[in-house]
Structures are given as structure tokens and as C-alpha cells.
Amino acid sequence: MEITVKVPDELASEARTRGISPEQYVQEIVAHRAGIQIPRVSKFRSPAEIRAWLDTLAQFSDKIPDLPERITREWIYQEHD
């Protein structure tokens, strides 16, 4: 049986985190729910794949604000009304 699914961004992101395709990830989810064991192939990452993964982790790090010298309650809730 073949099923076509529109993959939500969260699902695709989780698959990328696991280092597999969204299709493989969905197959694992369905197999797990059905109680079927799918053998996982251990895959060593190449240096380029590791660098790409690290780059995705750091892609928005330049937008993280600097911490103040002292963290106060007011600083924590400064953007909340």
C-alpha cells in the first residue's frame, strides 16, 4: 500500500534532527504504532554533514540578546504586559 502525506514542518524538522528522510520517519512512526520493529541502520556522519547540522543549530544565534550583568524579574518580564 502506498500513501501520500503532506508533511508538516514539525515532522520534517524532527526527521532532519534524526538524520533521516521524512518518509523514513513516518514509516517508523506507523511501524511503531503497529508494533512492527524496523531495523535501524547506523550511519556515521561525514564532516560536511556534521558541519551542516551545527550550522542549522547556530543559524539564529546572532539574534540572541546579550545578558545583563544582573538578571532581575523586571528584565525577565520586560516584554510582557
N, C-alpha and C. Protein backbone atom coordinates (compact mmCIF):
# COMPACT_ATOMS: atom_id res chain seq x y z
N MET A 1 0.84 -1.16 0.00
CA MET A 1 0.00 0.00 0.00
C MET A 1 0.89 1.24 0.00
N GLU A 2 0.50 2.23 -0.72
CA GLU A 2 1.26 3.47 -0.79
C GLU A 2 0.35 4.62 -0.42
N ILE A 3 0.82 5.47 0.52
CA ILE A 3 0.03 6.60 0.99
C ILE A 3 0.84 7.87 0.79
N THR A 4 0.20 8.90 0.27
CA THR A 4 0.85 10.19 0.10
C THR A 4 0.39 11.10 1.22
N VAL A 5 1.34 11.75 1.88
CA VAL A 5 1.03 12.60 3.03
C VAL A 5 1.71 13.95 2.86
N LYS A 6 0.99 15.03 3.15
CA LYS A 6 1.62 16.34 3.23
C LYS A 6 2.32 16.41 4.57
N VAL A 7 3.62 16.62 4.57
CA VAL A 7 4.40 16.57 5.79
C VAL A 7 4.45 17.95 6.45
N PRO A 8 3.96 18.05 7.70
CA PRO A 8 4.05 19.32 8.41
C PRO A 8 5.52 19.68 8.69
N ASP A 9 5.79 20.96 8.85
CA ASP A 9 7.16 21.41 9.11
C ASP A 9 7.76 20.76 10.35
N GLU A 10 6.96 20.57 11.39
CA GLU A 10 7.47 19.97 12.62
C GLU A 10 7.94 18.54 12.38
N LEU A 11 7.19 17.81 11.57
CA LEU A 11 7.55 16.43 11.27
C LEU A 11 8.84 16.38 10.46
N ALA A 12 8.95 17.25 9.47
CA ALA A 12 10.16 17.31 8.65
C ALA A 12 11.36 17.71 9.50
N SER A 13 11.16 18.63 10.43
CA SER A 13 12.23 19.07 11.31
C SER A 13 12.70 17.93 12.20
N GLU A 14 11.77 17.17 12.75
CA GLU A 14 12.12 16.04 13.60
C GLU A 14 12.87 14.98 12.81
N ALA A 15 12.46 14.75 11.57
CA ALA A 15 13.15 13.78 10.73
C ALA A 15 14.59 14.24 10.47
N ARG A 16 14.77 15.53 10.17
CA ARG A 16 16.12 16.07 9.96
C ARG A 16 16.98 15.90 11.19
N THR A 17 16.38 16.15 12.37
CA THR A 17 17.09 16.00 13.63
C THR A 17 17.59 14.57 13.81
N ARG A 18 16.78 13.62 13.38
CA ARG A 18 17.15 12.21 13.49
C ARG A 18 18.07 11.75 12.35
N GLY A 19 18.27 12.62 11.35
CA GLY A 19 19.16 12.28 10.25
C GLY A 19 18.55 11.34 9.23
N ILE A 20 17.21 11.37 9.14
CA ILE A 20 16.54 10.51 8.17
C ILE A 20 15.56 11.35 7.36
N SER A 21 15.04 10.77 6.29
CA SER A 21 14.06 11.48 5.45
C SER A 21 12.71 11.49 6.15
N PRO A 22 11.86 12.46 5.81
CA PRO A 22 10.51 12.46 6.39
C PRO A 22 9.75 11.17 6.11
N GLU A 23 9.97 10.60 4.93
CA GLU A 23 9.30 9.34 4.58
C GLU A 23 9.72 8.23 5.54
N GLN A 24 11.02 8.13 5.81
CA GLN A 24 11.51 7.10 6.74
C GLN A 24 10.95 7.34 8.14
N TYR A 25 10.88 8.60 8.54
CA TYR A 25 10.38 8.92 9.88
C TYR A 25 8.91 8.52 10.01
N VAL A 26 8.10 8.82 8.99
CA VAL A 26 6.69 8.43 9.03
C VAL A 26 6.56 6.91 9.05
N GLN A 27 7.39 6.22 8.28
CA GLN A 27 7.36 4.76 8.29
C GLN A 27 7.66 4.22 9.69
N GLU A 28 8.65 4.84 10.37
CA GLU A 28 8.97 4.41 11.73
C GLU A 28 7.81 4.64 12.68
N ILE A 29 7.15 5.79 12.55
CA ILE A 29 6.01 6.10 13.42
C ILE A 29 4.89 5.07 13.21
N VAL A 30 4.56 4.81 11.96
CA VAL A 30 3.49 3.85 11.64
C VAL A 30 3.88 2.46 12.12
N ALA A 31 5.11 2.06 11.89
CA ALA A 31 5.56 0.74 12.31
C ALA A 31 5.52 0.62 13.84
N HIS A 32 5.93 1.68 14.53
CA HIS A 32 5.91 1.67 15.99
C HIS A 32 4.49 1.52 16.51
N ARG A 33 3.56 2.26 15.91
CA ARG A 33 2.15 2.17 16.32
C ARG A 33 1.57 0.78 16.04
N ALA A 34 2.05 0.16 14.96
CA ALA A 34 1.55 -1.18 14.60
C ALA A 34 2.30 -2.29 15.34
N GLY A 35 3.32 -1.91 16.09
CA GLY A 35 4.09 -2.91 16.84
C GLY A 35 5.09 -3.66 16.00
N ILE A 36 5.48 -3.07 14.88
CA ILE A 36 6.45 -3.70 13.99
C ILE A 36 7.82 -3.08 14.25
N GLN A 37 8.83 -3.92 14.34
CA GLN A 37 10.19 -3.44 14.58
C GLN A 37 10.92 -3.25 13.26
N ILE A 38 11.37 -2.03 12.97
CA ILE A 38 12.14 -1.74 11.76
C ILE A 38 13.60 -1.63 12.17
N PRO A 39 14.47 -2.45 11.57
CA PRO A 39 15.88 -2.34 11.94
C PRO A 39 16.44 -0.98 11.51
N ARG A 40 17.15 -0.34 12.41
CA ARG A 40 17.76 0.96 12.13
C ARG A 40 19.19 0.76 11.68
N VAL A 41 19.52 1.40 10.60
CA VAL A 41 20.88 1.31 10.07
C VAL A 41 21.70 2.42 10.71
N SER A 42 22.79 2.03 11.34
CA SER A 42 23.67 3.02 11.94
C SER A 42 24.44 3.72 10.83
N LYS A 43 24.43 5.04 10.85
CA LYS A 43 25.08 5.79 9.79
C LYS A 43 26.04 6.79 10.42
N PHE A 44 27.28 6.71 10.05
CA PHE A 44 28.24 7.69 10.51
C PHE A 44 28.12 8.93 9.65
N ARG A 45 28.18 10.07 10.28
CA ARG A 45 28.07 11.34 9.56
C ARG A 45 29.43 11.78 9.04
N SER A 46 29.40 12.34 7.85
CA SER A 46 30.63 12.88 7.28
C SER A 46 30.91 14.23 7.94
N PRO A 47 32.14 14.72 7.88
CA PRO A 47 32.42 16.05 8.45
C PRO A 47 31.53 17.13 7.85
N ALA A 48 31.22 17.04 6.56
CA ALA A 48 30.35 18.05 5.92
C ALA A 48 28.94 17.98 6.50
N GLU A 49 28.42 16.77 6.75
CA GLU A 49 27.09 16.62 7.34
C GLU A 49 27.06 17.15 8.77
N ILE A 50 28.12 16.90 9.51
CA ILE A 50 28.21 17.41 10.88
C ILE A 50 28.25 18.94 10.87
N ARG A 51 29.05 19.51 9.98
CA ARG A 51 29.14 20.97 9.87
C ARG A 51 27.78 21.56 9.50
N ALA A 52 27.07 20.95 8.56
CA ALA A 52 25.75 21.43 8.16
C ALA A 52 24.78 21.38 9.34
N TRP A 53 24.84 20.33 10.13
CA TRP A 53 23.97 20.19 11.29
C TRP A 53 24.29 21.27 12.32
N LEU A 54 25.57 21.49 12.59
CA LEU A 54 25.96 22.53 13.53
C LEU A 54 25.55 23.91 13.04
N ASP A 55 25.65 24.13 11.74
CA ASP A 55 25.24 25.42 11.18
C ASP A 55 23.74 25.66 11.37
N THR A 56 22.92 24.60 11.25
CA THR A 56 21.48 24.78 11.47
C THR A 56 21.19 25.09 12.93
N LEU A 57 21.98 24.53 13.84
CA LEU A 57 21.79 24.83 15.26
C LEU A 57 22.11 26.29 15.57
N ALA A 58 23.10 26.83 14.88
CA ALA A 58 23.59 28.18 15.18
C ALA A 58 23.02 29.25 14.26
N GLN A 59 22.10 28.92 13.38
CA GLN A 59 21.70 29.87 12.36
C GLN A 59 21.09 31.17 12.90
N PHE A 60 20.46 31.16 14.07
CA PHE A 60 19.88 32.38 14.60
C PHE A 60 20.59 32.85 15.87
N SER A 61 21.77 32.34 16.14
CA SER A 61 22.47 32.70 17.37
C SER A 61 22.84 34.17 17.42
N ASP A 62 22.95 34.83 16.29
CA ASP A 62 23.28 36.25 16.29
C ASP A 62 22.10 37.10 16.76
N LYS A 63 20.92 36.51 16.86
CA LYS A 63 19.75 37.25 17.31
C LYS A 63 19.50 37.10 18.81
N ILE A 64 20.31 36.33 19.50
CA ILE A 64 20.17 36.14 20.94
C ILE A 64 20.72 37.39 21.63
N PRO A 65 19.91 38.06 22.45
CA PRO A 65 20.40 39.28 23.10
C PRO A 65 21.43 38.96 24.18
N ASP A 66 22.30 39.93 24.42
CA ASP A 66 23.29 39.78 25.49
C ASP A 66 22.57 39.80 26.83
N LEU A 67 23.10 39.04 27.78
CA LEU A 67 22.53 39.02 29.12
C LEU A 67 23.02 40.22 29.90
N PRO A 68 22.16 40.77 30.78
CA PRO A 68 22.62 41.86 31.62
C PRO A 68 23.54 41.31 32.72
N GLU A 69 24.23 42.21 33.41
CA GLU A 69 25.10 41.77 34.50
C GLU A 69 24.31 41.10 35.60
N ARG A 70 23.12 41.61 35.86
CA ARG A 70 22.26 41.05 36.88
C ARG A 70 20.89 40.77 36.29
N ILE A 71 20.41 39.56 36.44
CA ILE A 71 19.10 39.20 35.91
C ILE A 71 18.05 39.48 36.98
N THR A 72 17.12 40.36 36.64
CA THR A 72 16.06 40.72 37.58
C THR A 72 14.72 40.25 37.04
N ARG A 73 13.74 40.26 37.90
CA ARG A 73 12.39 39.88 37.49
C ARG A 73 11.89 40.84 36.40
N GLU A 74 12.19 42.12 36.54
CA GLU A 74 11.77 43.11 35.56
C GLU A 74 12.39 42.82 34.19
N TRP A 75 13.65 42.42 34.18
CA TRP A 75 14.31 42.12 32.91
C TRP A 75 13.67 40.90 32.25
N ILE A 76 13.35 39.90 33.06
CA ILE A 76 12.74 38.67 32.52
C ILE A 76 11.40 38.98 31.88
N TYR A 77 10.59 39.83 32.53
CA TYR A 77 9.24 40.10 32.06
C TYR A 77 9.13 41.43 31.32
N GLN A 78 10.22 41.96 30.79
CA GLN A 78 10.21 43.29 30.18
C GLN A 78 9.29 43.39 28.97
N GLU A 79 9.04 42.33 28.24
CA GLU A 79 8.23 42.40 27.03
C GLU A 79 6.79 41.95 27.26
N HIS A 80 6.44 41.66 28.52
CA HIS A 80 5.08 41.19 28.83
C HIS A 80 4.29 42.30 29.47
N ASP A 81 3.00 42.32 29.17
CA ASP A 81 2.12 43.32 29.79
C ASP A 81 1.31 42.69 30.89
